Amino acid sequence: MQASNPLEVTNISRVSLFVRKTHPEAVLSMTHLYLIRHGEALGAIHDIIGDTALSPLGVKQAEHLRDRLAATGEIAADILISSTLARARQTAEIIAPALGLPVVFDDEVQELRDGVADGMRVEEYRAKFGAVNFRETPFRQVAPGGENWGQFVLRVSTVLDRILREYEGKTIVIVCHGGVIGISFLYFFGINTVHYPRTGFDTYNTSITHWYKTTYVDRPPRWRLIHYNDDMHLRDITSRVRIPWREISARPAEGAEQPAAPLEDE
C-alpha cells in the first residue's frame, strides 16, 4: 500500500462523525488503534542485530512526527504504549509531548526476540547460526533464547488482544516495530499464522498505521484499516521548506458516500 496523503488522512473525528451519522442509533463504542514504527536505528546502518538506539536520522524522523502531531491534533490519544526496546522507547519519548501523555512501556510489543544473537553483527550471526528461512522452517528459533515465527505471532496477537480489550472504546497509540505492525494484519484479517506469509509489508520508519472498530447494538463489531505507512512528515526532512501542517490539517471537502446494499456486518 502507498503512504497516505495528509490531505486524505482520515482522523478520529471524521471517522466517528461518518459512522455516527450513518448509524446514529446503533453505535455503542468506537476503538481506534494507531501503530507507529520507531525511527531509524543505529543497528540498521551498522548491521547490528537487536536492541540499538536511534540514529541521528531516526531522532530527526521522530521529531518530524512529533511536530506533525502537535500541529494537526489528528490523534486524540487516551493511552500511549511503547515497546521497551531502545529505538521504540526513544521514539515514544520524543512524540509523547505532542500527545500530552506519559509513556506506558510494555515488553510484549517488542520486535522478534533475537536471543543470544542480540548485539551481534550480521556477518557474525550468519557465520555462527546460518540464515533463517521462516518460509521453510517457521518453527526454528532465530538463535538460542530467541523466538521462532509461531512464537512471535502468538505473542504479538496475544498482546494486541489484551490491549484492545483493556482499552475498549479508547484511542490507543502503540510505538512498536515493523514486525508487530505486519502481524497486526494477520490478527485483524484472521489470516493463517502457522506458516510464514508469502506477502509481507515494508513498513517505513515513524509511519502511522490506523485501525478502528465500531461496536454496534445489533451486529458484530468489525475492524477496518484506515491507512497504512503514512509517513508524510518525512517528506520535508531534506528540504529547506517545512510542510505547513497547521494550514493543511483542515478537514478536506469529501463527497457523500455512494449508497450500497447493506451487508449484515456493515
C-alpha atoms as a PDB file:
ATOM      1  CA  MET A   1       0.000   0.000   0.000  1.00  0.00           C
ATOM      2  CA  GLN A   2       1.138   3.559  -0.637  1.00  0.00           C
ATOM      3  CA  ALA A   3       1.681   6.076   2.123  1.00  0.00           C
ATOM      4  CA  SER A   4      -1.354   8.207   2.857  1.00  0.00           C
ATOM      5  CA  ASN A   5      -1.556  11.797   1.694  1.00  0.00           C
ATOM      6  CA  PRO A   6      -2.112  14.112   4.695  1.00  0.00           C
ATOM      7  CA  LEU A   7      -4.890  15.839   2.758  1.00  0.00           C
ATOM      8  CA  GLU A   8      -6.676  12.493   2.718  1.00  0.00           C
ATOM      9  CA  VAL A   9      -5.878  11.395   6.268  1.00  0.00           C
ATOM     10  CA  THR A  10      -8.965  10.059   7.980  1.00  0.00           C
ATOM     11  CA  ASN A  11      -8.699  11.195  11.586  1.00  0.00           C
ATOM     12  CA  ILE A  12     -10.753  10.249  14.595  1.00  0.00           C
ATOM     13  CA  SER A  13     -13.356  12.965  14.259  1.00  0.00           C
ATOM     14  CA  ARG A  14     -14.043  12.289  10.573  1.00  0.00           C
ATOM     15  CA  VAL A  15     -14.426   8.533  11.022  1.00  0.00           C
ATOM     16  CA  SER A  16     -16.542   8.955  14.127  1.00  0.00           C
ATOM     17  CA  LEU A  17     -18.772  11.581  12.544  1.00  0.00           C
ATOM     18  CA  PHE A  18     -19.408   9.432   9.476  1.00  0.00           C
ATOM     19  CA  VAL A  19     -20.232   6.297  11.447  1.00  0.00           C
ATOM     20  CA  ARG A  20     -22.435   8.115  13.923  1.00  0.00           C
ATOM     21  CA  LYS A  21     -24.205   9.904  11.078  1.00  0.00           C
ATOM     22  CA  THR A  22     -24.982   6.679   9.203  1.00  0.00           C
ATOM     23  CA  HIS A  23     -25.761   4.557  12.302  1.00  0.00           C
ATOM     24  CA  PRO A  24     -26.783   7.092  14.980  1.00  0.00           C
ATOM     25  CA  GLU A  25     -28.995   4.775  16.989  1.00  0.00           C
ATOM     26  CA  ALA A  26     -26.803   1.678  16.960  1.00  0.00           C
ATOM     27  CA  VAL A  27     -23.234   2.737  17.878  1.00  0.00           C
ATOM     28  CA  LEU A  28     -22.095   1.558  21.311  1.00  0.00           C
ATOM     29  CA  SER A  29     -18.404   2.442  21.104  1.00  0.00           C
ATOM     30  CA  MET A  30     -15.505   3.139  18.769  1.00  0.00           C
ATOM     31  CA  THR A  31     -11.941   1.965  19.306  1.00  0.00           C
ATOM     32  CA  HIS A  32      -9.011   3.478  17.410  1.00  0.00           C
ATOM     33  CA  LEU A  33      -5.588   1.846  17.247  1.00  0.00           C
ATOM     34  CA  TYR A  34      -2.582   3.717  15.902  1.00  0.00           C
ATOM     35  CA  LEU A  35       0.579   1.672  15.385  1.00  0.00           C
ATOM     36  CA  ILE A  36       3.717   3.776  14.907  1.00  0.00           C
ATOM     37  CA  ARG A  37       7.017   2.249  13.874  1.00  0.00           C
ATOM     38  CA  HIS A  38      10.167   3.582  15.559  1.00  0.00           C
ATOM     39  CA  GLY A  39      12.661   5.835  13.788  1.00  0.00           C
ATOM     40  CA  GLU A  40      15.777   4.549  12.062  1.00  0.00           C
ATOM     41  CA  ALA A  41      18.044   2.641  14.470  1.00  0.00           C
ATOM     42  CA  LEU A  42      21.815   2.503  14.650  1.00  0.00           C
ATOM     43  CA  GLY A  43      21.620  -1.244  14.120  1.00  0.00           C
ATOM     44  CA  ALA A  44      20.080  -0.691  10.691  1.00  0.00           C
ATOM     45  CA  ILE A  45      23.023   1.359   9.454  1.00  0.00           C
ATOM     46  CA  HIS A  46      25.782  -0.648  11.199  1.00  0.00           C
ATOM     47  CA  ASP A  47      24.364  -4.152  10.526  1.00  0.00           C
ATOM     48  CA  ILE A  48      23.924  -4.903  14.228  1.00  0.00           C
ATOM     49  CA  ILE A  49      21.150  -7.300  15.263  1.00  0.00           C
ATOM     50  CA  GLY A  50      18.864  -6.453  18.151  1.00  0.00           C
ATOM     51  CA  ASP A  51      18.428  -3.570  20.547  1.00  0.00           C
ATOM     52  CA  THR A  52      20.134  -0.336  19.475  1.00  0.00           C
ATOM     53  CA  ALA A  53      19.273   3.328  19.927  1.00  0.00           C
ATOM     54  CA  LEU A  54      18.036   5.695  17.260  1.00  0.00           C
ATOM     55  CA  SER A  55      20.439   7.031  14.674  1.00  0.00           C
ATOM     56  CA  PRO A  56      20.687  10.813  14.211  1.00  0.00           C
ATOM     57  CA  LEU A  57      18.288  10.457  11.276  1.00  0.00           C
ATOM     58  CA  GLY A  58      15.964   8.363  13.442  1.00  0.00           C
ATOM     59  CA  VAL A  59      15.835  11.141  16.035  1.00  0.00           C
ATOM     60  CA  LYS A  60      15.003  13.659  13.317  1.00  0.00           C
ATOM     61  CA  GLN A  61      12.281  11.384  11.932  1.00  0.00           C
ATOM     62  CA  ALA A  62      10.655  11.151  15.361  1.00  0.00           C
ATOM     63  CA  GLU A  63      10.890  14.921  15.819  1.00  0.00           C
ATOM     64  CA  HIS A  64       9.154  15.500  12.494  1.00  0.00           C
ATOM     65  CA  LEU A  65       6.367  13.135  13.538  1.00  0.00           C
ATOM     66  CA  ARG A  66       6.073  14.966  16.867  1.00  0.00           C
ATOM     67  CA  ASP A  67       5.800  18.317  15.114  1.00  0.00           C
ATOM     68  CA  ARG A  68       3.125  16.986  12.773  1.00  0.00           C
ATOM     69  CA  LEU A  69       1.037  15.522  15.596  1.00  0.00           C
ATOM     70  CA  ALA A  70       1.352  18.676  17.680  1.00  0.00           C
ATOM     71  CA  ALA A  71       0.261  20.900  14.784  1.00  0.00           C
ATOM     72  CA  THR A  72      -2.616  18.802  13.465  1.00  0.00           C
ATOM     73  CA  GLY A  73      -4.010  17.261  16.640  1.00  0.00           C
ATOM     74  CA  GLU A  74      -5.078  14.368  14.408  1.00  0.00           C
ATOM     75  CA  ILE A  75      -4.630  11.751  17.143  1.00  0.00           C
ATOM     76  CA  ALA A  76      -6.537  12.471  20.346  1.00  0.00           C
ATOM     77  CA  ALA A  77      -4.973   9.590  22.236  1.00  0.00           C
ATOM     78  CA  ASP A  78      -6.135   8.184  25.554  1.00  0.00           C
ATOM     79  CA  ILE A  79      -3.104   5.951  26.095  1.00  0.00           C
ATOM     80  CA  LEU A  80       0.454   5.867  24.708  1.00  0.00           C
ATOM     81  CA  ILE A  81       2.160   2.468  24.892  1.00  0.00           C
ATOM     82  CA  SER A  82       5.693   1.668  23.759  1.00  0.00           C
ATOM     83  CA  SER A  83       7.981  -1.278  23.277  1.00  0.00           C
ATOM     84  CA  THR A  84      10.810  -1.317  25.800  1.00  0.00           C
ATOM     85  CA  LEU A  85      13.495  -1.656  23.117  1.00  0.00           C
ATOM     86  CA  ALA A  86      15.644   1.462  22.892  1.00  0.00           C
ATOM     87  CA  ARG A  87      14.677   2.561  19.378  1.00  0.00           C
ATOM     88  CA  ALA A  88      10.960   2.430  20.183  1.00  0.00           C
ATOM     89  CA  ARG A  89      11.400   3.877  23.681  1.00  0.00           C
ATOM     90  CA  GLN A  90      13.250   6.913  22.294  1.00  0.00           C
ATOM     91  CA  THR A  91      10.666   7.436  19.573  1.00  0.00           C
ATOM     92  CA  ALA A  92       7.813   7.312  22.082  1.00  0.00           C
ATOM     93  CA  GLU A  93       9.540   9.729  24.436  1.00  0.00           C
ATOM     94  CA  ILE A  94      10.077  12.197  21.592  1.00  0.00           C
ATOM     95  CA  ILE A  95       6.447  12.190  20.410  1.00  0.00           C
ATOM     96  CA  ALA A  96       4.854  11.995  23.875  1.00  0.00           C
ATOM     97  CA  PRO A  97       4.666  15.808  24.386  1.00  0.00           C
ATOM     98  CA  ALA A  98       2.599  16.132  21.197  1.00  0.00           C
ATOM     99  CA  LEU A  99       0.050  13.689  22.603  1.00  0.00           C
ATOM    100  CA  GLY A 100       0.160  15.089  26.135  1.00  0.00           C
ATOM    101  CA  LEU A 101       0.539  11.636  27.661  1.00  0.00           C
ATOM    102  CA  PRO A 102       3.091   9.672  29.704  1.00  0.00           C
ATOM    103  CA  VAL A 103       4.574   6.592  28.070  1.00  0.00           C
ATOM    104  CA  VAL A 104       3.460   3.168  29.310  1.00  0.00           C
ATOM    105  CA  PHE A 105       6.157   0.613  28.477  1.00  0.00           C
ATOM    106  CA  ASP A 106       5.223  -2.959  27.550  1.00  0.00           C
ATOM    107  CA  ASP A 107       7.745  -5.742  26.843  1.00  0.00           C
ATOM    108  CA  GLU A 108       5.197  -7.714  24.837  1.00  0.00           C
ATOM    109  CA  VAL A 109       5.162  -5.287  21.866  1.00  0.00           C
ATOM    110  CA  GLN A 110       8.866  -5.845  21.212  1.00  0.00           C
ATOM    111  CA  GLU A 111      10.171  -6.965  17.825  1.00  0.00           C
ATOM    112  CA  LEU A 112      11.018 -10.653  17.206  1.00  0.00           C
ATOM    113  CA  ARG A 113      13.324 -11.633  20.062  1.00  0.00           C
ATOM    114  CA  ASP A 114      16.843 -12.480  18.899  1.00  0.00           C
ATOM    115  CA  GLY A 115      18.080 -14.383  21.959  1.00  0.00           C
ATOM    116  CA  VAL A 116      21.863 -14.717  22.118  1.00  0.00           C
ATOM    117  CA  ALA A 117      22.129 -13.086  18.677  1.00  0.00           C
ATOM    118  CA  ASP A 118      21.244  -9.717  20.189  1.00  0.00           C
ATOM    119  CA  GLY A 119      24.150  -7.338  19.664  1.00  0.00           C
ATOM    120  CA  MET A 120      25.855  -9.493  17.011  1.00  0.00           C
ATOM    121  CA  ARG A 121      26.869  -8.113  13.659  1.00  0.00           C
ATOM    122  CA  VAL A 122      25.033  -9.716  10.765  1.00  0.00           C
ATOM    123  CA  GLU A 123      28.208 -11.360   9.387  1.00  0.00           C
ATOM    124  CA  GLU A 124      28.976 -12.913  12.769  1.00  0.00           C
ATOM    125  CA  TYR A 125      25.415 -14.185  13.088  1.00  0.00           C
ATOM    126  CA  ARG A 126      25.462 -15.835   9.657  1.00  0.00           C
ATOM    127  CA  ALA A 127      28.800 -17.491  10.372  1.00  0.00           C
ATOM    128  CA  LYS A 128      27.532 -18.897  13.676  1.00  0.00           C
ATOM    129  CA  PHE A 129      23.887 -19.733  13.007  1.00  0.00           C
ATOM    130  CA  GLY A 130      23.413 -19.581   9.232  1.00  0.00           C
ATOM    131  CA  ALA A 131      20.469 -17.936   7.511  1.00  0.00           C
ATOM    132  CA  VAL A 132      16.965 -18.425   8.888  1.00  0.00           C
ATOM    133  CA  ASN A 133      14.254 -19.022   6.310  1.00  0.00           C
ATOM    134  CA  PHE A 134      10.889 -18.843   8.068  1.00  0.00           C
ATOM    135  CA  ARG A 135       9.086 -19.962   4.903  1.00  0.00           C
ATOM    136  CA  GLU A 136      10.878 -23.311   5.063  1.00  0.00           C
ATOM    137  CA  THR A 137      11.499 -23.567   8.822  1.00  0.00           C
ATOM    138  CA  PRO A 138       8.858 -21.467  10.624  1.00  0.00           C
ATOM    139  CA  PHE A 139       9.453 -23.323  13.907  1.00  0.00           C
ATOM    140  CA  ARG A 140      13.204 -22.739  14.038  1.00  0.00           C
ATOM    141  CA  GLN A 141      14.384 -20.179  16.585  1.00  0.00           C
ATOM    142  CA  VAL A 142      16.485 -17.373  15.153  1.00  0.00           C
ATOM    143  CA  ALA A 143      19.065 -18.200  17.840  1.00  0.00           C
ATOM    144  CA  PRO A 144      19.148 -19.906  21.233  1.00  0.00           C
ATOM    145  CA  GLY A 145      16.897 -17.993  23.596  1.00  0.00           C
ATOM    146  CA  GLY A 146      15.155 -16.295  20.683  1.00  0.00           C
ATOM    147  CA  GLU A 147      11.765 -16.814  19.082  1.00  0.00           C
ATOM    148  CA  ASN A 148      10.534 -18.704  16.071  1.00  0.00           C
ATOM    149  CA  TRP A 149       7.855 -17.385  13.744  1.00  0.00           C
ATOM    150  CA  GLY A 150       4.942 -19.033  15.533  1.00  0.00           C
ATOM    151  CA  GLN A 151       6.057 -17.801  18.950  1.00  0.00           C
ATOM    152  CA  PHE A 152       6.396 -14.249  17.648  1.00  0.00           C
ATOM    153  CA  VAL A 153       2.941 -14.257  16.055  1.00  0.00           C
ATOM    154  CA  LEU A 154       1.348 -15.724  19.184  1.00  0.00           C
ATOM    155  CA  ARG A 155       2.990 -13.154  21.478  1.00  0.00           C
ATOM    156  CA  VAL A 156       2.039 -10.158  19.360  1.00  0.00           C
ATOM    157  CA  SER A 157      -1.503 -11.379  18.712  1.00  0.00           C
ATOM    158  CA  THR A 158      -1.966 -12.026  22.415  1.00  0.00           C
ATOM    159  CA  VAL A 159      -0.759  -8.576  23.475  1.00  0.00           C
ATOM    160  CA  LEU A 160      -2.874  -6.838  20.827  1.00  0.00           C
ATOM    161  CA  ASP A 161      -5.902  -8.737  22.076  1.00  0.00           C
ATOM    162  CA  ARG A 162      -5.114  -7.804  25.684  1.00  0.00           C
ATOM    163  CA  ILE A 163      -4.575  -4.108  24.960  1.00  0.00           C
ATOM    164  CA  LEU A 164      -7.684  -3.823  22.787  1.00  0.00           C
ATOM    165  CA  ARG A 165      -9.833  -5.461  25.454  1.00  0.00           C
ATOM    166  CA  GLU A 166      -8.361  -3.319  28.215  1.00  0.00           C
ATOM    167  CA  TYR A 167      -8.854  -0.056  26.316  1.00  0.00           C
ATOM    168  CA  GLU A 168     -12.102  -0.855  24.506  1.00  0.00           C
ATOM    169  CA  GLY A 169     -13.718   2.347  23.230  1.00  0.00           C
ATOM    170  CA  LYS A 170     -10.484   4.346  23.589  1.00  0.00           C
ATOM    171  CA  THR A 171      -7.896   5.769  21.215  1.00  0.00           C
ATOM    172  CA  ILE A 172      -4.682   3.787  21.599  1.00  0.00           C
ATOM    173  CA  VAL A 173      -1.208   4.615  20.282  1.00  0.00           C
ATOM    174  CA  ILE A 174       1.481   1.914  20.296  1.00  0.00           C
ATOM    175  CA  VAL A 175       5.058   2.744  19.306  1.00  0.00           C
ATOM    176  CA  CYS A 176       6.483  -0.545  18.152  1.00  0.00           C
ATOM    177  CA  HIS A 177       8.220  -2.326  15.277  1.00  0.00           C
ATOM    178  CA  GLY A 178       7.735  -3.353  11.658  1.00  0.00           C
ATOM    179  CA  GLY A 179       7.194  -6.985  12.589  1.00  0.00           C
ATOM    180  CA  VAL A 180       4.495  -6.080  15.104  1.00  0.00           C
ATOM    181  CA  ILE A 181       2.688  -3.941  12.541  1.00  0.00           C
ATOM    182  CA  GLY A 182       2.904  -6.725   9.976  1.00  0.00           C
ATOM    183  CA  ILE A 183       1.380  -9.202  12.421  1.00  0.00           C
ATOM    184  CA  SER A 184      -1.474  -6.773  13.109  1.00  0.00           C
ATOM    185  CA  PHE A 185      -2.684  -7.554   9.581  1.00  0.00           C
ATOM    186  CA  LEU A 186      -2.667 -11.276  10.333  1.00  0.00           C
ATOM    187  CA  TYR A 187      -4.515 -10.636  13.580  1.00  0.00           C
ATOM    188  CA  PHE A 188      -7.233  -8.355  12.216  1.00  0.00           C
ATOM    189  CA  PHE A 189      -7.779 -10.208   8.938  1.00  0.00           C
ATOM    190  CA  GLY A 190      -7.754 -13.625  10.629  1.00  0.00           C
ATOM    191  CA  ILE A 191      -5.039 -14.975   8.335  1.00  0.00           C
ATOM    192  CA  ASN A 192      -3.437 -18.389   8.969  1.00  0.00           C
ATOM    193  CA  THR A 193      -0.392 -17.728  11.127  1.00  0.00           C
ATOM    194  CA  VAL A 194       1.208 -21.162  11.373  1.00  0.00           C
ATOM    195  CA  HIS A 195       3.313 -20.607   8.265  1.00  0.00           C
ATOM    196  CA  TYR A 196       5.233 -17.524   7.249  1.00  0.00           C
ATOM    197  CA  PRO A 197       3.118 -15.458   4.804  1.00  0.00           C
ATOM    198  CA  ARG A 198       4.137 -15.227   1.164  1.00  0.00           C
ATOM    199  CA  THR A 199       3.410 -11.498   1.106  1.00  0.00           C
ATOM    200  CA  GLY A 200       4.974  -9.075   3.582  1.00  0.00           C
ATOM    201  CA  PHE A 201       4.967  -5.408   4.457  1.00  0.00           C
ATOM    202  CA  ASP A 202       7.655  -2.760   4.060  1.00  0.00           C
ATOM    203  CA  THR A 203       6.727  -0.501   6.960  1.00  0.00           C
ATOM    204  CA  TYR A 204       8.566   2.821   6.955  1.00  0.00           C
ATOM    205  CA  ASN A 205      10.234   4.412   9.963  1.00  0.00           C
ATOM    206  CA  THR A 206       7.838   6.520  12.090  1.00  0.00           C
ATOM    207  CA  SER A 207       4.941   5.710   9.742  1.00  0.00           C
ATOM    208  CA  ILE A 208       1.398   5.576  11.113  1.00  0.00           C
ATOM    209  CA  THR A 209      -0.968   2.635  10.653  1.00  0.00           C
ATOM    210  CA  HIS A 210      -4.560   3.326  11.743  1.00  0.00           C
ATOM    211  CA  TRP A 211      -7.148   0.659  12.564  1.00  0.00           C
ATOM    212  CA  TYR A 212     -10.580   1.327  14.003  1.00  0.00           C
ATOM    213  CA  LYS A 213     -13.512  -0.720  15.244  1.00  0.00           C
ATOM    214  CA  THR A 214     -17.148   0.248  15.685  1.00  0.00           C
ATOM    215  CA  THR A 215     -19.240  -1.757  18.134  1.00  0.00           C
ATOM    216  CA  TYR A 216     -22.956  -1.781  17.330  1.00  0.00           C
ATOM    217  CA  VAL A 217     -26.019  -2.822  19.285  1.00  0.00           C
ATOM    218  CA  ASP A 218     -27.345  -5.335  16.789  1.00  0.00           C
ATOM    219  CA  ARG A 219     -24.396  -6.601  14.730  1.00  0.00           C
ATOM    220  CA  PRO A 220     -20.890  -7.998  15.270  1.00  0.00           C
ATOM    221  CA  PRO A 221     -18.032  -5.497  15.565  1.00  0.00           C
ATOM    222  CA  ARG A 222     -15.693  -5.158  12.610  1.00  0.00           C
ATOM    223  CA  TRP A 223     -12.157  -3.799  12.411  1.00  0.00           C
ATOM    224  CA  ARG A 224     -11.267  -1.586   9.448  1.00  0.00           C
ATOM    225  CA  LEU A 225      -7.937  -0.359   8.135  1.00  0.00           C
ATOM    226  CA  ILE A 226      -7.996   3.415   7.606  1.00  0.00           C
ATOM    227  CA  HIS A 227      -4.419   3.886   6.439  1.00  0.00           C
ATOM    228  CA  TYR A 228      -1.026   2.200   6.391  1.00  0.00           C
ATOM    229  CA  ASN A 229       2.539   3.551   6.047  1.00  0.00           C
ATOM    230  CA  ASP A 230       1.557   7.205   6.435  1.00  0.00           C
ATOM    231  CA  ASP A 231       4.965   8.918   6.623  1.00  0.00           C
ATOM    232  CA  MET A 232       4.188  12.256   5.003  1.00  0.00           C
ATOM    233  CA  HIS A 233       6.007  14.036   7.846  1.00  0.00           C
ATOM    234  CA  LEU A 234       9.302  12.672   6.463  1.00  0.00           C
ATOM    235  CA  ARG A 235       8.909  14.274   3.051  1.00  0.00           C
ATOM    236  CA  ASP A 236      10.465  17.578   4.126  1.00  0.00           C
ATOM    237  CA  ILE A 237      13.440  16.269   6.131  1.00  0.00           C
ATOM    238  CA  THR A 238      15.914  17.090   3.366  1.00  0.00           C
ATOM    239  CA  SER A 239      14.041  20.174   2.206  1.00  0.00           C
ATOM    240  CA  ARG A 240      14.547  23.809   3.184  1.00  0.00           C
ATOM    241  CA  VAL A 241      10.773  24.181   3.270  1.00  0.00           C
ATOM    242  CA  ARG A 242       8.761  22.575   6.052  1.00  0.00           C
ATOM    243  CA  ILE A 243       5.291  21.123   5.497  1.00  0.00           C
ATOM    244  CA  PRO A 244       2.752  23.688   6.845  1.00  0.00           C
ATOM    245  CA  TRP A 245       0.821  21.172   8.922  1.00  0.00           C
ATOM    246  CA  ARG A 246      -1.477  23.690  10.588  1.00  0.00           C
ATOM    247  CA  GLU A 247      -2.575  25.062   7.224  1.00  0.00           C
ATOM    248  CA  ILE A 248      -3.338  21.705   5.604  1.00  0.00           C
ATOM    249  CA  SER A 249      -4.882  19.936   8.582  1.00  0.00           C
ATOM    250  CA  ALA A 250      -8.381  21.264   7.930  1.00  0.00           C
ATOM    251  CA  ARG A 251     -10.996  18.693   7.033  1.00  0.00           C
ATOM    252  CA  PRO A 252     -10.991  18.053   3.258  1.00  0.00           C
ATOM    253  CA  ALA A 253     -14.117  18.528   1.160  1.00  0.00           C
ATOM    254  CA  GLU A 254     -15.138  14.924   0.699  1.00  0.00           C
ATOM    255  CA  GLY A 255     -18.140  13.809  -1.285  1.00  0.00           C
ATOM    256  CA  ALA A 256     -21.048  11.818   0.063  1.00  0.00           C
ATOM    257  CA  GLU A 257     -20.795   8.044   0.305  1.00  0.00           C
ATOM    258  CA  GLN A 258     -22.328   6.032  -2.541  1.00  0.00           C
ATOM    259  CA  PRO A 259     -25.377   4.041  -1.324  1.00  0.00           C
ATOM    260  CA  ALA A 260     -24.953   0.290  -1.447  1.00  0.00           C
ATOM    261  CA  ALA A 261     -26.863  -2.789  -0.449  1.00  0.00           C
ATOM    262  CA  PRO A 262     -26.380  -3.150   3.320  1.00  0.00           C
ATOM    263  CA  LEU A 263     -24.388  -6.163   4.448  1.00  0.00           C
ATOM    264  CA  GLU A 264     -25.028  -7.958   7.705  1.00  0.00           C
ATOM    265  CA  ASP A 265     -21.814  -6.667   9.299  1.00  0.00           C
ATOM    266  CA  GLU A 266     -21.875  -3.181   7.775  1.00  0.00           C
END
